[in-house]
Protein backbone atom coordinates (compact mmCIF):
# COMPACT_ATOMS: atom_id res chain seq x y z
CA MET A 1 -20.61 -1.52 11.55
CA GLN A 2 -16.94 -2.28 11.70
CA ILE A 3 -14.99 -3.76 8.81
CA ARG A 4 -11.71 -5.62 9.41
CA ALA A 5 -9.19 -5.62 6.56
CA GLY A 6 -5.71 -7.03 6.35
CA ILE A 7 -2.96 -8.53 4.24
CA GLU A 8 -0.21 -11.02 4.70
CA LEU A 9 2.27 -11.42 1.86
CA SER A 10 5.43 -13.50 1.64
CA TYR A 11 8.13 -13.12 -0.95
CA ASP A 12 11.22 -15.19 -1.57
CA CYS A 13 13.76 -12.93 -3.30
CA PRO A 14 17.09 -14.34 -4.59
CA GLN A 15 18.77 -10.92 -3.92
CA PRO A 16 17.82 -7.55 -2.40
CA THR A 17 14.79 -6.34 -4.39
CA PRO A 18 13.27 -2.81 -4.51
CA THR A 19 9.53 -3.10 -3.91
CA ILE A 20 6.64 -0.66 -3.66
CA PHE A 21 3.49 -1.56 -1.68
CA ASN A 22 0.22 0.21 -2.27
CA VAL A 23 -1.90 -1.58 0.37
CA SER A 24 -2.79 1.12 2.93
CA VAL A 25 -6.26 2.48 3.61
CA HIS A 26 -6.97 5.47 1.32
CA PHE A 27 -6.59 8.84 2.92
CA THR A 28 -10.30 9.62 2.48
CA ARG A 29 -11.09 6.83 4.99
CA VAL A 30 -8.32 7.30 7.56
CA SER A 31 -10.69 9.12 9.90
CA ASP A 32 -12.85 5.99 10.00
CA LEU A 33 -10.00 3.77 11.24
CA VAL A 34 -10.01 2.34 14.76
CA GLY A 35 -6.26 2.56 15.37
CA ARG A 36 -3.66 2.59 12.63
CA ASP A 37 -3.00 0.47 9.53
CA ASN A 38 0.79 0.22 9.91
CA LEU A 39 2.69 -1.93 7.45
CA ALA A 40 5.07 -4.48 9.15
CA VAL A 41 8.03 -6.05 7.34
CA ASP A 42 9.91 -9.09 8.67
CA PRO A 43 12.83 -9.06 8.63
CA PRO A 44 12.72 -5.29 9.36
CA VAL A 45 14.08 -3.00 6.67
CA PRO A 46 13.99 0.79 6.20
CA MET A 47 10.73 2.06 4.72
CA ALA A 48 10.10 5.22 2.70
CA ALA A 49 6.50 6.40 2.38
CA TYR A 50 4.92 8.80 -0.07
CA ARG A 51 1.60 9.65 -1.73
CA ASP A 52 1.11 8.95 -5.38
CA SER A 53 -0.80 11.23 -7.81
CA PHE A 54 -4.10 9.51 -6.86
CA GLY A 55 -3.66 10.11 -3.10
CA ASN A 56 -2.68 6.54 -2.37
CA TRP A 57 -0.16 5.92 0.44
CA CYS A 58 2.78 3.97 -1.00
CA THR A 59 5.59 2.33 0.94
CA ARG A 60 8.93 1.54 -0.70
CA ILE A 61 11.39 -1.00 0.70
CA VAL A 62 14.35 -2.93 -0.50
CA ALA A 63 13.39 -6.49 0.45
CA SER A 64 16.31 -8.51 1.78
CA GLY A 65 17.50 -11.52 -0.08
CA GLY A 66 15.54 -14.58 1.08
CA ARG A 67 12.04 -14.70 2.66
CA THR A 68 10.34 -11.36 3.39
CA ARG A 69 6.92 -11.21 5.08
CA VAL A 70 4.73 -8.08 4.80
CA SER A 71 1.56 -7.70 6.85
CA ALA A 72 -0.98 -5.05 7.91
CA SER A 73 -4.39 -5.02 9.48
CA ALA A 74 -7.01 -2.41 10.22
CA VAL A 75 -10.56 -1.99 11.55
CA ALA A 76 -12.69 0.75 10.04
CA ASN A 77 -16.06 2.16 11.10
CA ASP A 78 -18.55 2.24 8.20
CA SER A 79 -22.26 3.14 7.87
CA GLY A 80 -22.98 0.06 5.79
CA ALA A 81 -24.71 2.23 3.19
CA PRO A 82 -23.96 1.49 -0.48
CA ASP A 83 -21.45 3.68 -2.30
CA PRO A 84 -23.11 6.54 -4.25
CA VAL A 85 -23.76 5.82 -7.95
CA VAL A 86 -22.70 8.56 -10.40
CA PRO A 87 -23.86 7.45 -13.87
CA ASP A 88 -22.44 10.51 -15.63
CA ALA A 89 -18.97 10.27 -14.05
CA LYS A 90 -16.23 11.07 -16.52
CA GLN A 91 -13.30 8.76 -17.07
CA VAL A 92 -9.90 10.49 -17.22
CA ARG A 93 -6.96 8.95 -18.98
CA VAL A 94 -3.76 9.19 -16.94
CA PRO A 95 -0.48 9.13 -18.79
CA GLN A 96 1.62 6.03 -18.13
CA HIS A 97 4.80 6.55 -16.05
CA ASP A 98 7.78 4.27 -16.41
CA LEU A 99 9.70 3.56 -13.23
CA CYS A 100 13.27 2.36 -13.71
CA ILE A 101 15.58 1.65 -10.84
CA ASP A 102 19.08 0.52 -11.62
CA ALA A 103 20.90 -1.85 -9.24
CA ALA A 104 23.30 0.85 -8.00
CA SER A 105 20.54 3.21 -6.85
CA ALA A 106 18.62 0.45 -5.17
CA ARG A 107 21.38 -0.24 -2.62
């Protein structure tokens, strides 16, 4: 089967605002994608992408002052089978990280 996923987000920022999006398909499922799941930002702004410590694809932008629209869509092939159940899976506590960005470095 094929699964279609997508987002459309709109923000109204009073001033340029640093923002991190974590909305991309996880790297473990990228081979199942039909095409790409590119993030689109309107109005266009520079984007910096990186992987976090969990393997998630993150995209950082500085949203312009005013209305910013962010969208993405993807189609993925999937077997339709339920996810495996692991009743003895261990939960791992991850230390909290504080992210501070001052106004000067965000420009």
